[in-house]
């Protein structure tokens, strides 16, 4: 006989279609009738019960470094006794933020400055303290930002060493003096970001045309730059590809790109115990540690799960 749970079925969520035959529904109804009318959550249930009826749903962007951080959160939560449902590689904020607001995702690694500009397009914050204060005021109801990490991983404007030397480039503003049409490789969302073409024009007087490359500053973006298909690329600052390929990250003296310290977003389903476990990870996530995690992933082609497991064991965070 097929075992039947007496708990309510979980609501539909990302990428999980459920095809149930009428016969199975009938059997389930008969089995559930024996469960009685008692509501297992009538007493408030698990303080850390996520949308999966007890599991905390951990999500990530479609970016390898973000997935590693999400895996760190997930494994630390599991070591602390929490059930976890992974929903990784979701995509950009336009996709996952509505899921967070709906309560379909409980934990998500985010980047402070970009997040603030997403939830408050009029924000005028310039440093981390102002960003955190802005997030406290602007995040949707039911979502909380936990303490940020020291580590940042932010959009940066990158050129080849040859291009930088040819045009004597040190800062983003120097691009305004380049006497050729400039193309930049980035995700298509870059077009509407505050640091996109409009922001570059307004702050630095730099005109660029976007060449969409949909891999979040990954190897395709790097290759477009190396091949000369573009002169500039939007690559995250903690990506080991910058150093490995001798690329030059241009200075941003006007802080067009806000500080992108990593911080966990959590839903109201994440109780104090689970939040404390997540913040144990965040407290260890220095810039050096993040760069190291990314390098292992890229150089060794290691999975996010393996990278996270080794790091947590090294930090003594793989046990309750």
Protein backbone atom coordinates (compact mmCIF):
# COMPACT_ATOMS: atom_id res chain seq x y z
CA UNK A 1 0.00 0.00 0.00
CA UNK A 2 1.29 3.47 -0.87
CA UNK A 3 1.91 5.51 2.32
CA UNK A 4 -0.16 8.66 2.55
CA UNK A 5 0.78 11.70 4.62
CA UNK A 6 -1.87 13.21 6.88
CA UNK A 7 -0.43 16.69 6.31
CA UNK A 8 -1.89 19.06 3.80
CA UNK A 9 -0.26 18.98 0.35
CA UNK A 10 2.30 21.72 -0.20
CA UNK A 11 1.25 24.59 -2.46
CA UNK A 12 2.68 24.69 -5.97
CA UNK A 13 6.04 26.44 -6.38
CA UNK A 14 8.86 26.97 -8.83
CA UNK A 15 9.23 24.24 -11.41
CA UNK A 16 7.15 21.62 -9.60
CA UNK A 17 4.12 20.60 -11.63
CA UNK A 18 2.04 17.89 -10.00
CA UNK A 19 0.12 15.44 -12.17
CA UNK A 20 -2.18 13.32 -10.04
CA UNK A 21 -4.70 10.90 -11.50
CA UNK A 22 -8.28 10.84 -10.37
CA UNK A 23 -7.78 7.32 -9.03
CA UNK A 24 -4.90 8.40 -6.81
CA UNK A 25 -6.89 11.39 -5.58
CA UNK A 26 -9.69 9.07 -4.58
CA UNK A 27 -7.32 6.78 -2.67
CA UNK A 28 -5.74 9.80 -0.97
CA UNK A 29 -9.13 11.08 0.11
CA UNK A 30 -10.01 7.71 1.65
CA UNK A 31 -6.69 7.52 3.46
CA UNK A 32 -6.93 11.07 4.73
CA UNK A 33 -10.36 10.42 6.19
CA UNK A 34 -8.64 8.20 8.76
CA UNK A 35 -6.42 11.07 9.86
CA UNK A 36 -9.19 12.82 11.72
CA UNK A 37 -9.99 16.50 11.75
CA UNK A 38 -7.16 17.52 14.06
CA UNK A 39 -5.04 20.38 12.67
CA UNK A 40 -1.33 19.59 13.29
CA UNK A 41 -0.52 23.34 13.15
CA UNK A 42 -3.31 24.43 15.47
CA UNK A 43 -0.80 25.09 18.25
CA UNK A 44 1.35 27.29 16.03
CA UNK A 45 3.54 24.49 14.72
CA UNK A 46 7.27 24.75 14.04
CA UNK A 47 8.61 28.29 14.48
CA UNK A 48 10.85 27.65 11.48
CA UNK A 49 8.25 26.02 9.23
CA UNK A 50 8.65 27.21 5.65
CA UNK A 51 6.22 27.07 2.77
CA UNK A 52 6.92 23.35 2.29
CA UNK A 53 5.14 22.43 5.53
CA UNK A 54 8.25 22.38 7.71
CA UNK A 55 11.05 22.76 5.16
CA UNK A 56 12.74 26.11 4.80
CA UNK A 57 13.03 26.98 1.11
CA UNK A 58 16.49 28.29 0.20
CA UNK A 59 16.84 29.96 -3.19
CA UNK A 60 19.67 31.34 -5.29
CA UNK A 61 20.32 33.41 -8.36
CA UNK A 62 21.52 31.79 -11.56
CA UNK A 63 25.11 32.68 -10.68
CA UNK A 64 27.59 30.14 -9.37
CA UNK A 65 28.89 32.27 -6.47
CA UNK A 66 25.38 33.04 -5.27
CA UNK A 67 24.50 29.34 -5.43
CA UNK A 68 27.55 28.49 -3.31
CA UNK A 69 26.41 30.95 -0.64
CA UNK A 70 22.88 29.55 -0.75
CA UNK A 71 24.33 26.07 -0.33
CA UNK A 72 26.30 27.28 2.70
CA UNK A 73 23.05 28.50 4.26
CA UNK A 74 21.24 25.29 3.35
CA UNK A 75 23.87 22.93 4.76
CA UNK A 76 24.28 24.96 7.95
CA UNK A 77 20.52 24.86 8.49
CA UNK A 78 20.47 21.11 7.92
CA UNK A 79 23.35 20.60 10.35
CA UNK A 80 21.31 22.56 12.88
CA UNK A 81 18.36 20.20 12.48
CA UNK A 82 16.22 22.06 9.94
CA UNK A 83 14.67 20.53 6.87
CA UNK A 84 15.64 22.39 3.69
CA UNK A 85 14.15 22.55 0.22
CA UNK A 86 16.62 23.92 -2.35
CA UNK A 87 15.33 26.11 -5.19
CA UNK A 88 18.53 27.20 -6.92
CA UNK A 89 19.41 29.00 -10.17
CA UNK A 90 16.16 30.95 -10.26
CA UNK A 91 17.37 34.00 -12.17
CA UNK A 92 17.31 37.74 -11.58
CA UNK A 93 15.41 39.83 -8.98
CA UNK A 94 12.46 40.35 -11.28
CA UNK A 95 11.84 36.61 -11.00
CA UNK A 96 12.67 35.69 -7.41
CA UNK A 97 11.58 38.78 -5.46
CA UNK A 98 7.88 38.12 -6.13
CA UNK A 99 8.44 34.57 -4.85
CA UNK A 100 9.98 35.96 -1.67
CA UNK A 101 7.10 38.39 -1.21
CA UNK A 102 4.61 35.56 -1.68
CA UNK A 103 6.33 33.47 1.00
CA UNK A 104 7.36 30.78 -1.49
CA UNK A 105 11.06 31.27 -0.69
CA UNK A 106 12.34 31.65 2.88
CA UNK A 107 16.09 32.28 2.57
CA UNK A 108 17.99 34.02 -0.21
CA UNK A 109 21.54 35.45 -0.43
CA UNK A 110 21.39 39.02 -1.70
CA UNK A 111 23.66 42.00 -2.39
CA UNK A 112 22.98 45.10 -0.32
CA UNK A 113 23.24 48.05 -2.69
CA UNK A 114 21.58 46.49 -5.72
CA UNK A 115 18.79 45.19 -3.52
CA UNK A 116 18.08 48.64 -2.11
CA UNK A 117 17.98 50.18 -5.58
CA UNK A 118 15.54 47.46 -6.63
CA UNK A 119 13.09 48.03 -3.76
CA UNK A 120 13.55 51.82 -3.71
CA UNK A 121 14.48 53.38 -7.05
CA UNK A 122 14.74 56.80 -5.38
CA UNK A 123 17.22 55.70 -2.70
CA UNK A 124 20.16 58.06 -2.22
CA UNK A 125 22.29 55.88 0.07
CA UNK A 126 26.01 55.81 -0.60
CA UNK A 127 27.53 53.65 2.16
CA UNK A 128 26.62 50.35 3.80
CA UNK A 129 25.11 51.93 6.92
CA UNK A 130 22.74 54.06 4.82
CA UNK A 131 21.92 51.07 2.61
CA UNK A 132 20.95 48.93 5.60
CA UNK A 133 18.80 51.72 7.01
CA UNK A 134 17.11 52.09 3.64
CA UNK A 135 16.42 48.37 3.41
CA UNK A 136 14.87 48.37 6.88
CA UNK A 137 12.41 50.98 5.65
CA UNK A 138 11.80 49.68 2.14
CA UNK A 139 11.77 45.87 2.16
CA UNK A 140 8.31 44.39 1.55
CA UNK A 141 6.35 43.20 4.55
CA UNK A 142 7.31 39.70 5.63
CA UNK A 143 10.94 39.96 4.43
CA UNK A 144 13.89 40.81 6.70
CA UNK A 145 17.56 41.42 5.94
CA UNK A 146 19.91 39.74 8.41
CA UNK A 147 23.37 41.08 9.25
CA UNK A 148 25.58 41.53 6.17
CA UNK A 149 28.90 39.82 5.51
CA UNK A 150 32.19 41.66 5.17
CA UNK A 151 32.50 40.16 1.69
CA UNK A 152 31.22 42.03 -1.33
CA UNK A 153 30.67 40.83 -4.87
CA UNK A 154 29.57 43.75 -6.95
CA UNK A 155 29.14 44.73 -10.54
CA UNK A 156 32.36 46.18 -11.88
CA UNK A 157 33.42 47.66 -15.21
CA UNK A 158 36.23 45.55 -16.60
CA UNK A 159 38.48 45.94 -19.65
CA UNK A 160 41.45 44.03 -21.01
CA UNK A 161 44.92 45.14 -19.95
CA UNK A 162 45.71 45.99 -23.57
CA UNK A 163 42.67 48.23 -23.93
CA UNK A 164 43.41 49.94 -20.61
CA UNK A 165 47.02 50.61 -21.64
CA UNK A 166 46.08 51.82 -25.14
CA UNK A 167 43.61 54.38 -23.80
CA UNK A 168 45.29 55.06 -20.43
CA UNK A 169 42.27 53.89 -18.47
CA UNK A 170 42.18 53.82 -14.69
CA UNK A 171 38.63 54.84 -13.78
CA UNK A 172 35.22 54.49 -15.35
CA UNK A 173 35.21 58.19 -16.28
CA UNK A 174 38.27 57.71 -18.48
CA UNK A 175 36.07 55.77 -20.91
CA UNK A 176 34.50 59.09 -21.92
CA UNK A 177 37.75 59.98 -23.71
CA UNK A 178 37.86 56.80 -25.80
CA UNK A 179 37.32 57.79 -29.43
CA UNK A 180 35.30 54.76 -30.55
CA UNK A 181 31.86 53.32 -30.01
CA UNK A 182 31.86 51.39 -26.75
CA UNK A 183 30.00 48.12 -26.31
CA UNK A 184 29.51 46.45 -22.92
CA UNK A 185 28.70 42.78 -22.28
CA UNK A 186 26.18 42.24 -19.48
CA UNK A 187 22.86 40.62 -18.68
CA UNK A 188 19.94 42.24 -20.49
CA UNK A 189 18.71 43.64 -17.15
CA UNK A 190 21.78 45.91 -17.16
CA UNK A 191 19.91 48.20 -19.55
CA UNK A 192 17.58 49.37 -16.76
CA UNK A 193 19.93 49.18 -13.77
CA UNK A 194 20.94 52.48 -12.09
CA UNK A 195 24.55 51.78 -13.09
CA UNK A 196 23.57 50.85 -16.65
CA UNK A 197 23.89 52.98 -19.81
CA UNK A 198 21.78 55.83 -18.43
CA UNK A 199 23.72 55.97 -15.17
CA UNK A 200 27.06 55.83 -16.96
CA UNK A 201 26.02 58.72 -19.18
CA UNK A 202 24.65 60.82 -16.31
CA UNK A 203 27.48 60.27 -13.81
CA UNK A 204 30.54 59.84 -16.02
CA UNK A 205 29.52 61.08 -19.46
CA UNK A 206 30.23 57.62 -20.89
CA UNK A 207 28.10 56.33 -23.77
CA UNK A 208 27.86 52.55 -24.10
CA UNK A 209 25.73 50.12 -26.08
CA UNK A 210 24.63 46.95 -24.32
CA UNK A 211 25.48 43.59 -25.87
CA UNK A 212 23.31 41.13 -23.90
CA UNK A 213 25.16 38.08 -22.59
CA UNK A 214 22.94 36.15 -20.21
CA UNK A 215 25.40 34.44 -17.90
CA UNK A 216 25.70 36.97 -15.06
CA UNK A 217 29.26 38.00 -15.84
CA UNK A 218 30.34 34.39 -16.34
CA UNK A 219 32.63 32.74 -18.89
CA UNK A 220 30.61 33.87 -21.91
CA UNK A 221 30.85 37.49 -20.78
CA UNK A 222 34.58 37.14 -20.16
CA UNK A 223 35.07 35.50 -23.57
CA UNK A 224 33.17 38.30 -25.32
CA UNK A 225 35.66 40.74 -23.79
CA UNK A 226 38.73 38.64 -24.61
CA UNK A 227 37.54 38.11 -28.19
CA UNK A 228 37.10 41.84 -28.72
CA UNK A 229 33.35 41.59 -29.31
CA UNK A 230 32.98 44.27 -26.62
CA UNK A 231 35.37 46.74 -25.07
CA UNK A 232 33.88 46.63 -21.55
CA UNK A 233 32.25 43.89 -19.48
CA UNK A 234 30.13 43.88 -16.33
CA UNK A 235 31.85 41.23 -14.22
CA UNK A 236 31.36 40.64 -10.50
CA UNK A 237 34.32 41.86 -8.48
CA UNK A 238 34.98 38.55 -6.66
CA UNK A 239 35.23 36.56 -9.91
CA UNK A 240 38.66 34.88 -10.16
CA UNK A 241 38.47 35.28 -13.95
CA UNK A 242 39.51 38.93 -13.54
CA UNK A 243 42.91 38.03 -12.10
CA UNK A 244 43.35 34.85 -14.11
CA UNK A 245 42.93 36.70 -17.40
CA UNK A 246 44.88 39.81 -16.39
CA UNK A 247 41.80 42.00 -16.74
CA UNK A 248 41.58 45.52 -15.35
CA UNK A 249 38.73 46.53 -13.05
CA UNK A 250 38.16 50.25 -13.50
CA UNK A 251 37.84 52.41 -10.40
CA UNK A 252 34.41 53.87 -9.62
CA UNK A 253 35.18 57.06 -7.65
CA UNK A 254 31.60 58.34 -7.85
CA UNK A 255 30.21 55.08 -6.39
CA UNK A 256 27.87 54.53 -9.31
CA UNK A 257 27.75 50.92 -8.11
CA UNK A 258 26.77 50.87 -4.44
CA UNK A 259 28.51 48.56 -1.92
CA UNK A 260 27.28 45.03 -2.55
CA UNK A 261 27.92 43.31 0.77
CA UNK A 262 26.34 39.89 0.85
CA UNK A 263 23.36 39.67 3.17
CA UNK A 264 20.71 37.01 3.74
CA UNK A 265 17.06 37.82 3.09
CA UNK A 266 14.65 35.74 5.17
CA UNK A 267 10.91 35.35 5.41
CA UNK A 268 8.82 35.40 8.58
CA UNK A 269 8.97 31.59 8.53
CA UNK A 270 12.62 31.76 9.57
CA UNK A 271 12.72 31.76 13.37
CA UNK A 272 15.46 33.02 15.65
CA UNK A 273 17.28 29.67 15.76
CA UNK A 274 17.47 29.35 11.98
CA UNK A 275 18.45 33.01 11.59
CA UNK A 276 21.30 32.52 14.08
CA UNK A 277 22.61 29.56 12.06
CA UNK A 278 22.59 31.60 8.86
CA UNK A 279 24.39 34.48 10.55
CA UNK A 280 27.12 32.09 11.72
CA UNK A 281 27.92 31.59 8.03
CA UNK A 282 27.74 35.30 7.28
CA UNK A 283 30.14 36.15 10.11
CA UNK A 284 32.84 33.94 8.55
CA UNK A 285 32.33 35.23 5.01
CA UNK A 286 35.20 37.69 4.57
CA UNK A 287 36.38 38.94 1.18
CA UNK A 288 39.29 36.52 1.23
CA UNK A 289 36.99 33.60 2.06
CA UNK A 290 34.53 34.46 -0.72
CA UNK A 291 37.32 34.83 -3.26
CA UNK A 292 38.65 31.46 -2.17
CA UNK A 293 35.26 29.76 -2.51
CA UNK A 294 34.82 31.17 -6.00
CA UNK A 295 38.32 30.12 -7.03
CA UNK A 296 37.75 26.53 -5.91
CA UNK A 297 34.50 26.41 -7.84
CA UNK A 298 36.02 27.78 -11.04
CA UNK A 299 39.48 26.22 -10.95
CA UNK A 300 38.45 22.76 -9.72
CA UNK A 301 35.03 22.73 -11.40
CA UNK A 302 33.68 21.64 -8.02
CA UNK A 303 29.96 21.56 -7.32
CA UNK A 304 28.39 24.14 -5.01
CA UNK A 305 27.48 21.34 -2.59
CA UNK A 306 31.08 20.09 -2.37
CA UNK A 307 32.56 23.58 -2.08
CA UNK A 308 30.12 24.44 0.71
CA UNK A 309 30.61 21.15 2.59
CA UNK A 310 34.40 21.48 2.65
CA UNK A 311 34.28 25.12 3.77
CA UNK A 312 31.74 24.49 6.55
CA UNK A 313 33.81 21.58 7.83
CA UNK A 314 36.91 23.77 7.85
CA UNK A 315 35.05 26.40 9.86
CA UNK A 316 33.53 23.87 12.25
CA UNK A 317 30.02 24.74 11.06
CA UNK A 318 29.04 21.29 9.81
CA UNK A 319 27.63 20.13 13.15
CA UNK A 320 24.73 21.27 15.34
